[in-house]
């Protein structure tokens, strides 16, 4: 594990899937904080909403660890974690697990709905376009 100075604090720098896996065994005393308000993160609020499993308005270290465990379990090819891209080849999903198969099937439906049925890669833009399209449907 590598730590790097950011401002006045020393924080873990994660660059590979193996380093992401390492945080699962990281002692709690090495976390900068074991809980933080969801709004404090400089990222998409929809992402932190997924992390905040108990809807407390805070993301805690156990929720981060659960997300990491889930991510690493549904990927059979972890090399894409290291790439600075929001696209994921469908072949990278672990279809040996029911959840991985379900994700791959859902991704194929999203791609088909977006006119990309022949694509073997799904992007965040594809998913958001699909979700935004669903919100336009009124029952």
C-alpha atoms as a PDB file:
ATOM      1  CA  UNK A   1       0.000   0.000   0.000  1.00  0.00           C
ATOM      2  CA  UNK A   2       1.162   3.478  -0.759  1.00  0.00           C
ATOM      3  CA  UNK A   3       0.326   6.566   1.214  1.00  0.00           C
ATOM      4  CA  UNK A   4       0.640  10.081  -0.190  1.00  0.00           C
ATOM      5  CA  UNK A   5       0.524  13.501   1.400  1.00  0.00           C
ATOM      6  CA  UNK A   6      -2.596  15.454   0.378  1.00  0.00           C
ATOM      7  CA  UNK A   7      -2.659  18.853   2.042  1.00  0.00           C
ATOM      8  CA  UNK A   8      -2.126  18.265   5.736  1.00  0.00           C
ATOM      9  CA  UNK A   9      -3.085  14.593   5.758  1.00  0.00           C
ATOM     10  CA  UNK A  10      -1.453  11.417   4.573  1.00  0.00           C
ATOM     11  CA  UNK A  11      -3.936   9.271   2.633  1.00  0.00           C
ATOM     12  CA  UNK A  12      -3.933   5.927   0.903  1.00  0.00           C
ATOM     13  CA  UNK A  13      -3.391   6.172  -2.826  1.00  0.00           C
ATOM     14  CA  UNK A  14      -5.295   3.487  -4.716  1.00  0.00           C
ATOM     15  CA  UNK A  15      -4.261   2.825  -8.291  1.00  0.00           C
ATOM     16  CA  UNK A  16      -4.841  -0.882  -8.886  1.00  0.00           C
ATOM     17  CA  UNK A  17      -7.465  -3.521  -8.136  1.00  0.00           C
ATOM     18  CA  UNK A  18      -4.987  -5.221  -5.792  1.00  0.00           C
ATOM     19  CA  UNK A  19      -4.604  -1.984  -3.826  1.00  0.00           C
ATOM     20  CA  UNK A  20      -8.377  -1.657  -3.734  1.00  0.00           C
ATOM     21  CA  UNK A  21      -8.521  -5.187  -2.347  1.00  0.00           C
ATOM     22  CA  UNK A  22      -5.927  -4.213   0.285  1.00  0.00           C
ATOM     23  CA  UNK A  23      -8.268  -1.703   1.936  1.00  0.00           C
ATOM     24  CA  UNK A  24     -10.435  -4.595   3.092  1.00  0.00           C
ATOM     25  CA  UNK A  25      -7.729  -5.509   5.592  1.00  0.00           C
ATOM     26  CA  UNK A  26      -6.686  -1.949   6.414  1.00  0.00           C
ATOM     27  CA  UNK A  27      -6.824  -1.237  10.136  1.00  0.00           C
ATOM     28  CA  UNK A  28      -9.562   1.254  11.048  1.00  0.00           C
ATOM     29  CA  UNK A  29      -6.974   3.474  12.746  1.00  0.00           C
ATOM     30  CA  UNK A  30      -5.454   4.190   9.324  1.00  0.00           C
ATOM     31  CA  UNK A  31      -8.692   5.543   7.871  1.00  0.00           C
ATOM     32  CA  UNK A  32      -8.787   9.351   7.805  1.00  0.00           C
ATOM     33  CA  UNK A  33     -12.386   9.064   8.975  1.00  0.00           C
ATOM     34  CA  UNK A  34     -14.572   6.034   9.590  1.00  0.00           C
ATOM     35  CA  UNK A  35     -17.677   7.996   8.610  1.00  0.00           C
ATOM     36  CA  UNK A  36     -18.333  11.155   6.621  1.00  0.00           C
ATOM     37  CA  UNK A  37     -21.407  13.073   5.460  1.00  0.00           C
ATOM     38  CA  UNK A  38     -22.434  11.981   1.951  1.00  0.00           C
ATOM     39  CA  UNK A  39     -22.456  15.628   0.838  1.00  0.00           C
ATOM     40  CA  UNK A  40     -18.774  16.025   1.792  1.00  0.00           C
ATOM     41  CA  UNK A  41     -17.593  13.872  -1.112  1.00  0.00           C
ATOM     42  CA  UNK A  42     -16.664  15.622  -4.336  1.00  0.00           C
ATOM     43  CA  UNK A  43     -18.344  13.150  -6.648  1.00  0.00           C
ATOM     44  CA  UNK A  44     -21.715  12.326  -8.144  1.00  0.00           C
ATOM     45  CA  UNK A  45     -24.321  12.328  -5.344  1.00  0.00           C
ATOM     46  CA  UNK A  46     -25.977   9.305  -6.970  1.00  0.00           C
ATOM     47  CA  UNK A  47     -22.767   7.373  -6.299  1.00  0.00           C
ATOM     48  CA  UNK A  48     -22.670   8.264  -2.610  1.00  0.00           C
ATOM     49  CA  UNK A  49     -26.375   7.422  -2.358  1.00  0.00           C
ATOM     50  CA  UNK A  50     -25.516   3.883  -3.482  1.00  0.00           C
ATOM     51  CA  UNK A  51     -22.713   3.703  -0.932  1.00  0.00           C
ATOM     52  CA  UNK A  52     -24.962   4.943   1.907  1.00  0.00           C
ATOM     53  CA  UNK A  53     -26.693   1.595   2.376  1.00  0.00           C
ATOM     54  CA  UNK A  54     -28.654   2.570   5.487  1.00  0.00           C
ATOM     55  CA  UNK A  55     -29.727   5.997   4.136  1.00  0.00           C
ATOM     56  CA  UNK A  56     -28.145   7.761   7.101  1.00  0.00           C
ATOM     57  CA  UNK A  57     -26.755  10.622   5.028  1.00  0.00           C
ATOM     58  CA  UNK A  58     -23.264   9.388   5.907  1.00  0.00           C
ATOM     59  CA  UNK A  59     -20.868   6.964   4.251  1.00  0.00           C
ATOM     60  CA  UNK A  60     -18.934   4.828   6.693  1.00  0.00           C
ATOM     61  CA  UNK A  61     -15.893   2.620   6.239  1.00  0.00           C
ATOM     62  CA  UNK A  62     -17.934  -0.588   6.420  1.00  0.00           C
ATOM     63  CA  UNK A  63     -20.123   0.631   3.547  1.00  0.00           C
ATOM     64  CA  UNK A  64     -17.026   1.437   1.493  1.00  0.00           C
ATOM     65  CA  UNK A  65     -15.609  -2.015   2.230  1.00  0.00           C
ATOM     66  CA  UNK A  66     -18.915  -3.667   1.269  1.00  0.00           C
ATOM     67  CA  UNK A  67     -18.893  -1.780  -2.039  1.00  0.00           C
ATOM     68  CA  UNK A  68     -15.305  -2.837  -2.730  1.00  0.00           C
ATOM     69  CA  UNK A  69     -16.090  -6.488  -1.935  1.00  0.00           C
ATOM     70  CA  UNK A  70     -19.123  -6.376  -4.231  1.00  0.00           C
ATOM     71  CA  UNK A  71     -17.167  -4.751  -7.066  1.00  0.00           C
ATOM     72  CA  UNK A  72     -14.292  -7.192  -6.862  1.00  0.00           C
ATOM     73  CA  UNK A  73     -16.680 -10.160  -6.726  1.00  0.00           C
ATOM     74  CA  UNK A  74     -18.622  -9.204  -9.863  1.00  0.00           C
ATOM     75  CA  UNK A  75     -15.498  -8.599 -11.941  1.00  0.00           C
ATOM     76  CA  UNK A  76     -13.674 -11.533 -13.474  1.00  0.00           C
ATOM     77  CA  UNK A  77     -11.207  -9.147 -15.140  1.00  0.00           C
ATOM     78  CA  UNK A  78     -10.064  -6.504 -12.670  1.00  0.00           C
ATOM     79  CA  UNK A  79      -7.640  -4.776 -15.032  1.00  0.00           C
ATOM     80  CA  UNK A  80     -10.273  -2.212 -15.972  1.00  0.00           C
ATOM     81  CA  UNK A  81     -10.278  -0.809 -12.431  1.00  0.00           C
ATOM     82  CA  UNK A  82      -6.917   0.802 -13.208  1.00  0.00           C
ATOM     83  CA  UNK A  83      -8.026   2.490 -16.407  1.00  0.00           C
ATOM     84  CA  UNK A  84      -9.255   6.069 -16.298  1.00  0.00           C
ATOM     85  CA  UNK A  85     -12.460   5.283 -18.156  1.00  0.00           C
ATOM     86  CA  UNK A  86     -16.128   4.930 -17.386  1.00  0.00           C
ATOM     87  CA  UNK A  87     -16.556   2.087 -19.883  1.00  0.00           C
ATOM     88  CA  UNK A  88     -16.569  -1.589 -18.970  1.00  0.00           C
ATOM     89  CA  UNK A  89     -16.378  -4.546 -21.366  1.00  0.00           C
ATOM     90  CA  UNK A  90     -19.237  -6.938 -20.642  1.00  0.00           C
ATOM     91  CA  UNK A  91     -16.707  -9.781 -20.738  1.00  0.00           C
ATOM     92  CA  UNK A  92     -15.107  -8.329 -17.576  1.00  0.00           C
ATOM     93  CA  UNK A  93     -18.169  -9.334 -15.537  1.00  0.00           C
ATOM     94  CA  UNK A  94     -17.999 -12.540 -13.518  1.00  0.00           C
ATOM     95  CA  UNK A  95     -20.798 -14.573 -15.083  1.00  0.00           C
ATOM     96  CA  UNK A  96     -19.970 -17.524 -12.835  1.00  0.00           C
ATOM     97  CA  UNK A  97     -21.989 -15.693 -10.184  1.00  0.00           C
ATOM     98  CA  UNK A  98     -25.745 -15.086 -10.506  1.00  0.00           C
ATOM     99  CA  UNK A  99     -25.211 -11.393  -9.769  1.00  0.00           C
ATOM    100  CA  UNK A 100     -22.577 -11.101 -12.517  1.00  0.00           C
ATOM    101  CA  UNK A 101     -24.892 -12.814 -15.003  1.00  0.00           C
ATOM    102  CA  UNK A 102     -27.735 -10.484 -14.013  1.00  0.00           C
ATOM    103  CA  UNK A 103     -25.485  -7.447 -14.457  1.00  0.00           C
ATOM    104  CA  UNK A 104     -24.397  -8.624 -17.894  1.00  0.00           C
ATOM    105  CA  UNK A 105     -28.011  -9.276 -18.952  1.00  0.00           C
ATOM    106  CA  UNK A 106     -29.063  -5.849 -17.671  1.00  0.00           C
ATOM    107  CA  UNK A 107     -26.168  -4.209 -19.478  1.00  0.00           C
ATOM    108  CA  UNK A 108     -27.209  -5.894 -22.727  1.00  0.00           C
ATOM    109  CA  UNK A 109     -30.777  -4.581 -22.271  1.00  0.00           C
ATOM    110  CA  UNK A 110     -29.476  -1.073 -21.613  1.00  0.00           C
ATOM    111  CA  UNK A 111     -27.297  -1.210 -24.714  1.00  0.00           C
ATOM    112  CA  UNK A 112     -30.155  -2.554 -26.829  1.00  0.00           C
ATOM    113  CA  UNK A 113     -32.495   0.192 -25.619  1.00  0.00           C
ATOM    114  CA  UNK A 114     -29.834   2.750 -26.530  1.00  0.00           C
ATOM    115  CA  UNK A 115     -29.434   1.388 -30.056  1.00  0.00           C
ATOM    116  CA  UNK A 116     -26.101  -0.273 -29.293  1.00  0.00           C
ATOM    117  CA  UNK A 117     -27.129  -3.927 -29.278  1.00  0.00           C
ATOM    118  CA  UNK A 118     -23.880  -4.941 -31.010  1.00  0.00           C
ATOM    119  CA  UNK A 119     -21.646  -3.211 -28.455  1.00  0.00           C
ATOM    120  CA  UNK A 120     -19.592  -5.332 -26.090  1.00  0.00           C
ATOM    121  CA  UNK A 121     -18.810  -2.389 -23.782  1.00  0.00           C
ATOM    122  CA  UNK A 122     -21.146  -0.345 -21.591  1.00  0.00           C
ATOM    123  CA  UNK A 123     -20.400   3.153 -20.340  1.00  0.00           C
ATOM    124  CA  UNK A 124     -21.710   5.338 -17.576  1.00  0.00           C
ATOM    125  CA  UNK A 125     -23.270   7.525 -20.276  1.00  0.00           C
ATOM    126  CA  UNK A 126     -25.199   4.486 -21.584  1.00  0.00           C
ATOM    127  CA  UNK A 127     -26.533   3.674 -18.121  1.00  0.00           C
ATOM    128  CA  UNK A 128     -27.454   7.258 -17.281  1.00  0.00           C
ATOM    129  CA  UNK A 129     -29.198   7.704 -20.638  1.00  0.00           C
ATOM    130  CA  UNK A 130     -31.259   4.602 -19.938  1.00  0.00           C
ATOM    131  CA  UNK A 131     -32.123   5.671 -16.385  1.00  0.00           C
ATOM    132  CA  UNK A 132     -32.989   9.199 -17.489  1.00  0.00           C
ATOM    133  CA  UNK A 133     -35.254   7.697 -20.148  1.00  0.00           C
ATOM    134  CA  UNK A 134     -37.042   5.680 -17.500  1.00  0.00           C
ATOM    135  CA  UNK A 135     -37.743   8.811 -15.473  1.00  0.00           C
ATOM    136  CA  UNK A 136     -39.586  10.258 -18.493  1.00  0.00           C
ATOM    137  CA  UNK A 137     -42.074   7.385 -18.418  1.00  0.00           C
ATOM    138  CA  UNK A 138     -45.151   8.231 -16.378  1.00  0.00           C
ATOM    139  CA  UNK A 139     -47.429   5.536 -15.072  1.00  0.00           C
END
